[in-house]
Amino acid sequence: MKKGAEKVNMISSAIYDIKKIAWPDKSIMDEIFMININRVFYLSTISIIARVITIASFLNELSTGHQAENTWRIGILISHITYLVFLTILCILSYIYRKNNKPSLVTIGIQYAAIALIIFYGVAITLIDQLVTPSITPFIIACIAISVIFLIRPLYGL
């Protein structure tokens, strides 16, 4: 009888630990959202500069005359220009909302919009790169960047 009670205790303890990891306290989550909104601001600011440099370098390079490479070059330019537009919007919104002490629904939305944007453009650039190389490096870099930069709940990360 005692063994059965110990097993139930162990199982309930494990469930409690998993629940604690999956749903942290509200005060911790508020702090995490505020850290993430600051990270969105700094990341978007740095990424805007990187996008401008990338766009300028692609505009300065001469086309080779190969159809696949020209299509690739145009696709990369379009993707970086649209990425630049969305990054600018995220930068402005994160600048406005990072001054608040408590996260709002918009603050939380900005964080997840930034994550979705990074994944989306990692996939888009990877698909465009398939015209000239079979590499999936941009997608892998996007996944690693999200995991390194943002603090997200383990279940959401999964």
N, C-alpha and C. Protein backbone atom coordinates (compact mmCIF):
# COMPACT_ATOMS: atom_id res chain seq x y z
N MET A 1 0.81 -1.18 0.00
CA MET A 1 0.00 0.00 0.00
C MET A 1 0.86 1.26 0.00
N LYS A 2 1.98 1.21 0.73
CA LYS A 2 2.85 2.36 0.84
C LYS A 2 3.53 2.68 -0.49
N LYS A 3 3.88 1.63 -1.26
CA LYS A 3 4.51 1.83 -2.56
C LYS A 3 3.60 2.56 -3.52
N GLY A 4 2.32 2.24 -3.50
CA GLY A 4 1.33 2.90 -4.37
C GLY A 4 1.21 4.38 -4.04
N ALA A 5 1.23 4.71 -2.76
CA ALA A 5 1.15 6.12 -2.34
C ALA A 5 2.40 6.88 -2.76
N GLU A 6 3.57 6.24 -2.70
CA GLU A 6 4.82 6.88 -3.11
C GLU A 6 4.81 7.16 -4.62
N LYS A 7 4.29 6.21 -5.41
CA LYS A 7 4.22 6.40 -6.86
C LYS A 7 3.29 7.55 -7.21
N VAL A 8 2.14 7.61 -6.53
CA VAL A 8 1.19 8.70 -6.77
C VAL A 8 1.82 10.03 -6.40
N ASN A 9 2.55 10.08 -5.29
CA ASN A 9 3.24 11.29 -4.85
C ASN A 9 4.29 11.72 -5.87
N MET A 10 5.05 10.75 -6.39
CA MET A 10 6.09 11.04 -7.36
C MET A 10 5.48 11.55 -8.66
N ILE A 11 4.39 10.94 -9.09
CA ILE A 11 3.72 11.37 -10.33
C ILE A 11 3.15 12.76 -10.16
N SER A 12 2.49 13.03 -9.04
CA SER A 12 1.91 14.35 -8.83
C SER A 12 3.00 15.41 -8.70
N SER A 13 4.14 15.06 -8.13
CA SER A 13 5.26 15.98 -8.03
C SER A 13 5.81 16.30 -9.42
N ALA A 14 5.93 15.28 -10.26
CA ALA A 14 6.41 15.49 -11.63
C ALA A 14 5.44 16.35 -12.43
N ILE A 15 4.16 16.11 -12.28
CA ILE A 15 3.14 16.91 -12.98
C ILE A 15 3.21 18.36 -12.51
N TYR A 16 3.39 18.57 -11.22
CA TYR A 16 3.51 19.93 -10.67
C TYR A 16 4.74 20.63 -11.26
N ASP A 17 5.86 19.93 -11.36
CA ASP A 17 7.08 20.52 -11.92
C ASP A 17 6.89 20.89 -13.39
N ILE A 18 6.26 20.01 -14.15
CA ILE A 18 5.99 20.29 -15.57
C ILE A 18 5.06 21.49 -15.70
N LYS A 19 4.04 21.53 -14.88
CA LYS A 19 3.09 22.65 -14.90
C LYS A 19 3.79 23.96 -14.56
N LYS A 20 4.71 23.93 -13.61
CA LYS A 20 5.44 25.13 -13.21
C LYS A 20 6.32 25.63 -14.34
N ILE A 21 6.92 24.70 -15.09
CA ILE A 21 7.76 25.08 -16.23
C ILE A 21 6.89 25.61 -17.37
N ALA A 22 5.78 24.96 -17.64
CA ALA A 22 4.92 25.34 -18.77
C ALA A 22 4.19 26.64 -18.52
N TRP A 23 3.78 26.89 -17.28
CA TRP A 23 3.04 28.11 -16.95
C TRP A 23 3.72 28.84 -15.80
N PRO A 24 4.76 29.63 -16.11
CA PRO A 24 5.45 30.35 -15.05
C PRO A 24 4.55 31.42 -14.42
N ASP A 25 4.98 31.95 -13.29
CA ASP A 25 4.22 33.00 -12.60
C ASP A 25 4.02 34.21 -13.50
N LYS A 26 2.94 34.93 -13.27
CA LYS A 26 2.61 36.11 -14.07
C LYS A 26 3.70 37.16 -13.98
N SER A 27 4.26 37.36 -12.79
CA SER A 27 5.31 38.38 -12.63
C SER A 27 6.54 38.04 -13.47
N ILE A 28 6.87 36.77 -13.56
CA ILE A 28 8.01 36.36 -14.38
C ILE A 28 7.69 36.58 -15.86
N MET A 29 6.47 36.23 -16.25
CA MET A 29 6.09 36.40 -17.65
C MET A 29 6.07 37.88 -18.05
N ASP A 30 5.62 38.76 -17.15
CA ASP A 30 5.64 40.18 -17.44
C ASP A 30 7.06 40.67 -17.69
N GLU A 31 7.97 40.22 -16.85
CA GLU A 31 9.37 40.61 -17.00
C GLU A 31 9.95 40.06 -18.31
N ILE A 32 9.59 38.83 -18.63
CA ILE A 32 10.07 38.23 -19.88
C ILE A 32 9.56 39.00 -21.09
N PHE A 33 8.28 39.39 -21.08
CA PHE A 33 7.73 40.15 -22.20
C PHE A 33 8.43 41.50 -22.35
N MET A 34 8.76 42.14 -21.22
CA MET A 34 9.43 43.43 -21.30
C MET A 34 10.87 43.26 -21.80
N ILE A 35 11.53 42.19 -21.41
CA ILE A 35 12.87 41.91 -21.93
C ILE A 35 12.79 41.66 -23.44
N ASN A 36 11.80 40.88 -23.85
CA ASN A 36 11.65 40.56 -25.28
C ASN A 36 11.32 41.78 -26.12
N ILE A 37 10.51 42.69 -25.60
CA ILE A 37 10.16 43.87 -26.40
C ILE A 37 11.40 44.74 -26.60
N ASN A 38 12.28 44.79 -25.60
CA ASN A 38 13.54 45.51 -25.77
C ASN A 38 14.43 44.81 -26.79
N ARG A 39 14.41 43.50 -26.76
CA ARG A 39 15.20 42.74 -27.74
C ARG A 39 14.66 42.93 -29.15
N VAL A 40 13.35 43.01 -29.28
CA VAL A 40 12.76 43.28 -30.60
C VAL A 40 13.24 44.64 -31.11
N PHE A 41 13.25 45.63 -30.23
CA PHE A 41 13.70 46.97 -30.63
C PHE A 41 15.15 46.95 -31.11
N TYR A 42 16.05 46.38 -30.30
CA TYR A 42 17.46 46.37 -30.68
C TYR A 42 17.72 45.48 -31.90
N LEU A 43 17.05 44.35 -31.96
CA LEU A 43 17.22 43.45 -33.11
C LEU A 43 16.73 44.11 -34.39
N SER A 44 15.57 44.75 -34.33
CA SER A 44 15.04 45.38 -35.54
C SER A 44 15.91 46.56 -35.97
N THR A 45 16.45 47.30 -35.02
CA THR A 45 17.33 48.42 -35.36
C THR A 45 18.59 47.92 -36.08
N ILE A 46 19.21 46.89 -35.52
CA ILE A 46 20.41 46.33 -36.15
C ILE A 46 20.06 45.69 -37.50
N SER A 47 18.92 45.00 -37.56
CA SER A 47 18.51 44.34 -38.80
C SER A 47 18.17 45.33 -39.91
N ILE A 48 17.63 46.49 -39.54
CA ILE A 48 17.35 47.51 -40.55
C ILE A 48 18.65 47.95 -41.22
N ILE A 49 19.66 48.18 -40.43
CA ILE A 49 20.97 48.58 -40.97
C ILE A 49 21.52 47.47 -41.87
N ALA A 50 21.41 46.22 -41.40
CA ALA A 50 21.91 45.09 -42.20
C ALA A 50 21.13 44.95 -43.51
N ARG A 51 19.81 45.15 -43.47
CA ARG A 51 19.00 45.05 -44.69
C ARG A 51 19.39 46.12 -45.69
N VAL A 52 19.61 47.35 -45.22
CA VAL A 52 19.99 48.44 -46.12
C VAL A 52 21.32 48.12 -46.80
N ILE A 53 22.28 47.62 -46.03
CA ILE A 53 23.58 47.25 -46.60
C ILE A 53 23.42 46.11 -47.61
N THR A 54 22.60 45.11 -47.27
CA THR A 54 22.37 43.98 -48.19
C THR A 54 21.71 44.45 -49.48
N ILE A 55 20.69 45.28 -49.36
CA ILE A 55 20.00 45.80 -50.55
C ILE A 55 20.96 46.60 -51.41
N ALA A 56 21.77 47.45 -50.78
CA ALA A 56 22.73 48.26 -51.54
C ALA A 56 23.75 47.38 -52.25
N SER A 57 24.21 46.33 -51.59
CA SER A 57 25.20 45.46 -52.24
C SER A 57 24.59 44.68 -53.40
N PHE A 58 23.33 44.27 -53.28
CA PHE A 58 22.68 43.56 -54.38
C PHE A 58 22.38 44.50 -55.54
N LEU A 59 22.09 45.76 -55.25
CA LEU A 59 21.83 46.72 -56.32
C LEU A 59 23.11 47.10 -57.06
N ASN A 60 24.25 47.06 -56.37
CA ASN A 60 25.53 47.43 -56.99
C ASN A 60 26.14 46.33 -57.83
N GLU A 61 25.77 45.08 -57.59
CA GLU A 61 26.35 43.98 -58.35
C GLU A 61 25.71 43.89 -59.74
N LEU A 62 26.53 43.57 -60.70
CA LEU A 62 26.05 43.43 -62.07
C LEU A 62 25.40 42.07 -62.26
N SER A 63 24.39 42.02 -63.09
CA SER A 63 23.76 40.73 -63.39
C SER A 63 24.65 39.96 -64.36
N THR A 64 24.59 38.65 -64.27
CA THR A 64 25.47 37.80 -65.08
C THR A 64 24.86 37.40 -66.41
N GLY A 65 23.57 37.56 -66.54
CA GLY A 65 22.92 37.16 -67.77
C GLY A 65 22.25 35.82 -67.67
N HIS A 66 22.56 35.02 -66.63
CA HIS A 66 21.88 33.75 -66.42
C HIS A 66 20.50 34.02 -65.86
N GLN A 67 19.51 33.38 -66.44
CA GLN A 67 18.12 33.62 -66.04
C GLN A 67 17.86 33.24 -64.58
N ALA A 68 18.38 32.09 -64.16
CA ALA A 68 18.14 31.64 -62.78
C ALA A 68 18.78 32.59 -61.78
N GLU A 69 19.98 33.07 -62.08
CA GLU A 69 20.65 33.99 -61.16
C GLU A 69 19.96 35.35 -61.12
N ASN A 70 19.48 35.82 -62.27
CA ASN A 70 18.76 37.09 -62.28
C ASN A 70 17.44 36.99 -61.52
N THR A 71 16.74 35.88 -61.67
CA THR A 71 15.50 35.65 -60.92
C THR A 71 15.80 35.59 -59.43
N TRP A 72 16.88 34.90 -59.09
CA TRP A 72 17.30 34.81 -57.68
C TRP A 72 17.61 36.20 -57.13
N ARG A 73 18.36 36.99 -57.87
CA ARG A 73 18.75 38.33 -57.43
C ARG A 73 17.52 39.21 -57.20
N ILE A 74 16.56 39.16 -58.11
CA ILE A 74 15.33 39.95 -57.96
C ILE A 74 14.52 39.45 -56.76
N GLY A 75 14.44 38.13 -56.59
CA GLY A 75 13.71 37.57 -55.45
C GLY A 75 14.33 37.97 -54.12
N ILE A 76 15.65 37.93 -54.05
CA ILE A 76 16.36 38.33 -52.82
C ILE A 76 16.12 39.81 -52.55
N LEU A 77 16.21 40.64 -53.57
CA LEU A 77 15.97 42.07 -53.40
C LEU A 77 14.56 42.35 -52.89
N ILE A 78 13.58 41.73 -53.51
CA ILE A 78 12.19 41.94 -53.10
C ILE A 78 11.98 41.47 -51.66
N SER A 79 12.53 40.31 -51.33
CA SER A 79 12.35 39.79 -49.97
C SER A 79 13.01 40.70 -48.93
N HIS A 80 14.19 41.21 -49.23
CA HIS A 80 14.86 42.09 -48.27
C HIS A 80 14.17 43.45 -48.15
N ILE A 81 13.63 43.93 -49.24
CA ILE A 81 12.90 45.21 -49.18
C ILE A 81 11.63 45.06 -48.35
N THR A 82 10.87 43.97 -48.55
CA THR A 82 9.67 43.78 -47.75
C THR A 82 10.02 43.50 -46.28
N TYR A 83 11.11 42.77 -46.07
CA TYR A 83 11.59 42.52 -44.71
C TYR A 83 11.95 43.85 -44.03
N LEU A 84 12.59 44.75 -44.79
CA LEU A 84 12.95 46.07 -44.27
C LEU A 84 11.71 46.86 -43.85
N VAL A 85 10.66 46.79 -44.65
CA VAL A 85 9.42 47.50 -44.31
C VAL A 85 8.83 46.96 -43.01
N PHE A 86 8.73 45.64 -42.89
CA PHE A 86 8.17 45.05 -41.66
C PHE A 86 9.06 45.30 -40.45
N LEU A 87 10.38 45.27 -40.65
CA LEU A 87 11.29 45.56 -39.55
C LEU A 87 11.14 46.99 -39.06
N THR A 88 10.92 47.92 -40.00
CA THR A 88 10.73 49.31 -39.62
C THR A 88 9.46 49.47 -38.79
N ILE A 89 8.39 48.79 -39.19
CA ILE A 89 7.15 48.83 -38.41
C ILE A 89 7.37 48.24 -37.02
N LEU A 90 8.04 47.11 -36.94
CA LEU A 90 8.33 46.49 -35.64
C LEU A 90 9.22 47.40 -34.77
N CYS A 91 10.17 48.05 -35.38
CA CYS A 91 11.07 48.94 -34.65
C CYS A 91 10.28 50.10 -34.04
N ILE A 92 9.41 50.70 -34.81
CA ILE A 92 8.60 51.83 -34.32
C ILE A 92 7.66 51.36 -33.21
N LEU A 93 6.97 50.25 -33.42
CA LEU A 93 6.04 49.75 -32.40
C LEU A 93 6.77 49.34 -31.12
N SER A 94 7.88 48.66 -31.26
CA SER A 94 8.62 48.24 -30.06
C SER A 94 9.19 49.44 -29.32
N TYR A 95 9.59 50.47 -30.05
CA TYR A 95 10.09 51.69 -29.40
C TYR A 95 8.98 52.34 -28.57
N ILE A 96 7.78 52.37 -29.11
CA ILE A 96 6.64 52.98 -28.41
C ILE A 96 6.27 52.17 -27.18
N TYR A 97 6.16 50.85 -27.32
CA TYR A 97 5.62 50.02 -26.25
C TYR A 97 6.66 49.54 -25.24
N ARG A 98 7.94 49.74 -25.51
CA ARG A 98 8.94 49.30 -24.55
C ARG A 98 9.06 50.23 -23.36
N LYS A 99 8.45 51.39 -23.45
CA LYS A 99 8.49 52.36 -22.35
C LYS A 99 7.48 52.04 -21.25
N ASN A 100 6.52 51.17 -21.54
CA ASN A 100 5.53 50.78 -20.54
C ASN A 100 6.16 49.88 -19.49
N ASN A 101 5.62 49.94 -18.28
CA ASN A 101 6.13 49.08 -17.20
C ASN A 101 5.51 47.69 -17.25
N LYS A 102 4.29 47.60 -17.72
CA LYS A 102 3.58 46.32 -17.80
C LYS A 102 3.30 46.00 -19.27
N PRO A 103 3.45 44.74 -19.62
CA PRO A 103 3.17 44.37 -21.02
C PRO A 103 1.67 44.41 -21.31
N SER A 104 1.35 44.85 -22.50
CA SER A 104 -0.04 44.85 -22.96
C SER A 104 -0.18 43.76 -24.01
N LEU A 105 -1.39 43.62 -24.50
CA LEU A 105 -1.63 42.63 -25.55
C LEU A 105 -0.83 42.97 -26.80
N VAL A 106 -0.67 44.26 -27.07
CA VAL A 106 0.12 44.68 -28.23
C VAL A 106 1.60 44.31 -28.04
N THR A 107 2.10 44.49 -26.83
CA THR A 107 3.49 44.14 -26.53
C THR A 107 3.74 42.66 -26.79
N ILE A 108 2.83 41.85 -26.32
CA ILE A 108 2.95 40.41 -26.52
C ILE A 108 2.84 40.08 -28.01
N GLY A 109 1.92 40.76 -28.69
CA GLY A 109 1.75 40.54 -30.13
C GLY A 109 2.98 40.93 -30.93
N ILE A 110 3.64 42.02 -30.53
CA ILE A 110 4.85 42.46 -31.22
C ILE A 110 5.93 41.40 -31.11
N GLN A 111 6.06 40.83 -29.92
CA GLN A 111 7.07 39.79 -29.70
C GLN A 111 6.83 38.60 -30.62
N TYR A 112 5.61 38.11 -30.66
CA TYR A 112 5.33 36.94 -31.50
C TYR A 112 5.32 37.29 -32.99
N ALA A 113 4.99 38.53 -33.33
CA ALA A 113 5.08 38.97 -34.72
C ALA A 113 6.53 38.97 -35.18
N ALA A 114 7.43 39.40 -34.30
CA ALA A 114 8.86 39.40 -34.65
C ALA A 114 9.36 37.98 -34.87
N ILE A 115 8.94 37.07 -34.00
CA ILE A 115 9.35 35.67 -34.15
C ILE A 115 8.81 35.09 -35.45
N ALA A 116 7.53 35.35 -35.74
CA ALA A 116 6.93 34.85 -36.98
C ALA A 116 7.60 35.47 -38.20
N LEU A 117 7.95 36.74 -38.12
CA LEU A 117 8.60 37.42 -39.23
C LEU A 117 9.97 36.81 -39.52
N ILE A 118 10.73 36.53 -38.48
CA ILE A 118 12.06 35.94 -38.67
C ILE A 118 11.94 34.56 -39.31
N ILE A 119 11.02 33.76 -38.79
CA ILE A 119 10.82 32.41 -39.37
C ILE A 119 10.34 32.51 -40.82
N PHE A 120 9.36 33.37 -41.08
CA PHE A 120 8.81 33.51 -42.42
C PHE A 120 9.89 33.92 -43.42
N TYR A 121 10.68 34.93 -43.06
CA TYR A 121 11.71 35.37 -44.00
C TYR A 121 12.87 34.40 -44.09
N GLY A 122 13.13 33.63 -43.05
CA GLY A 122 14.11 32.56 -43.15
C GLY A 122 13.68 31.52 -44.18
N VAL A 123 12.39 31.18 -44.14
CA VAL A 123 11.84 30.23 -45.11
C VAL A 123 11.82 30.85 -46.51
N ALA A 124 11.39 32.11 -46.62
CA ALA A 124 11.31 32.76 -47.93
C ALA A 124 12.68 32.85 -48.60
N ILE A 125 13.67 33.28 -47.86
CA ILE A 125 15.01 33.40 -48.44
C ILE A 125 15.58 32.02 -48.78
N THR A 126 15.30 31.04 -47.96
CA THR A 126 15.74 29.67 -48.26
C THR A 126 15.10 29.17 -49.55
N LEU A 127 13.81 29.44 -49.73
CA LEU A 127 13.13 29.01 -50.96
C LEU A 127 13.69 29.72 -52.18
N ILE A 128 13.96 31.00 -52.05
CA ILE A 128 14.53 31.75 -53.18
C ILE A 128 15.94 31.25 -53.49
N ASP A 129 16.71 30.94 -52.45
CA ASP A 129 18.08 30.44 -52.64
C ASP A 129 18.12 29.09 -53.37
N GLN A 130 17.02 28.38 -53.37
CA GLN A 130 17.00 27.08 -54.05
C GLN A 130 17.23 27.22 -55.55
N LEU A 131 17.07 28.44 -56.09
CA LEU A 131 17.36 28.67 -57.50
C LEU A 131 18.85 28.53 -57.82
N VAL A 132 19.70 28.82 -56.83
CA VAL A 132 21.14 28.79 -57.11
C VAL A 132 21.90 27.81 -56.22
N THR A 133 21.33 27.39 -55.11
CA THR A 133 22.03 26.48 -54.21
C THR A 133 21.03 25.63 -53.43
N PRO A 134 21.36 24.39 -53.12
CA PRO A 134 20.43 23.55 -52.34
C PRO A 134 20.53 23.77 -50.83
N SER A 135 21.15 24.83 -50.40
CA SER A 135 21.41 25.10 -48.98
C SER A 135 20.13 25.55 -48.24
N ILE A 136 20.03 25.17 -46.96
CA ILE A 136 18.94 25.64 -46.11
C ILE A 136 19.49 26.48 -44.96
N THR A 137 20.67 27.02 -45.15
CA THR A 137 21.34 27.79 -44.11
C THR A 137 20.51 28.98 -43.60
N PRO A 138 19.84 29.77 -44.44
CA PRO A 138 19.05 30.88 -43.88
C PRO A 138 17.96 30.42 -42.91
N PHE A 139 17.35 29.29 -43.20
CA PHE A 139 16.32 28.78 -42.30
C PHE A 139 16.93 28.35 -40.96
N ILE A 140 18.05 27.68 -41.01
CA ILE A 140 18.73 27.24 -39.79
C ILE A 140 19.17 28.45 -38.97
N ILE A 141 19.70 29.46 -39.62
CA ILE A 141 20.12 30.67 -38.92
C ILE A 141 18.92 31.35 -38.27
N ALA A 142 17.78 31.39 -38.96
CA ALA A 142 16.57 31.99 -38.39
C ALA A 142 16.12 31.23 -37.14
N CYS A 143 16.14 29.92 -37.20
CA CYS A 143 15.73 29.11 -36.03
C CYS A 143 16.67 29.33 -34.86
N ILE A 144 17.96 29.34 -35.13
CA ILE A 144 18.94 29.55 -34.06
C ILE A 144 18.81 30.97 -33.49
N ALA A 145 18.61 31.94 -34.35
CA ALA A 145 18.47 33.33 -33.89
C ALA A 145 17.29 33.48 -32.95
N ILE A 146 16.17 32.89 -33.29
CA ILE A 146 14.99 32.98 -32.44
C ILE A 146 15.26 32.33 -31.08
N SER A 147 15.89 31.17 -31.11
CA SER A 147 16.13 30.47 -29.84
C SER A 147 17.16 31.18 -28.98
N VAL A 148 18.08 31.89 -29.58
CA VAL A 148 19.11 32.59 -28.81
C VAL A 148 18.63 33.95 -28.33
N ILE A 149 17.85 34.64 -29.13
CA ILE A 149 17.49 36.02 -28.82
C ILE A 149 16.27 36.12 -27.90
N PHE A 150 15.25 35.33 -28.16
CA PHE A 150 13.98 35.50 -27.44
C PHE A 150 13.80 34.51 -26.30
N LEU A 151 13.18 34.99 -25.24
CA LEU A 151 12.77 34.14 -24.13
C LEU A 151 11.30 33.78 -24.37
N ILE A 152 11.04 32.52 -24.68
CA ILE A 152 9.66 32.10 -24.91
C ILE A 152 9.37 30.86 -24.08
N ARG A 153 8.10 30.67 -23.81
CA ARG A 153 7.68 29.51 -23.03
C ARG A 153 8.08 28.23 -23.75
N PRO A 154 8.48 27.22 -22.98
CA PRO A 154 8.91 25.97 -23.62
C PRO A 154 7.83 25.35 -24.51
N LEU A 155 6.58 25.40 -24.08
CA LEU A 155 5.52 24.81 -24.91
C LEU A 155 5.34 25.58 -26.21
N TYR A 156 5.48 26.91 -26.16
CA TYR A 156 5.38 27.69 -27.38
C TYR A 156 6.56 27.43 -28.29
N GLY A 157 7.72 27.26 -27.71
CA GLY A 157 8.92 26.94 -28.49
C GLY A 157 8.81 25.58 -29.17
N LEU A 158 8.16 24.67 -28.48
CA LEU A 158 7.98 23.34 -29.04
C LEU A 158 7.09 23.40 -30.24
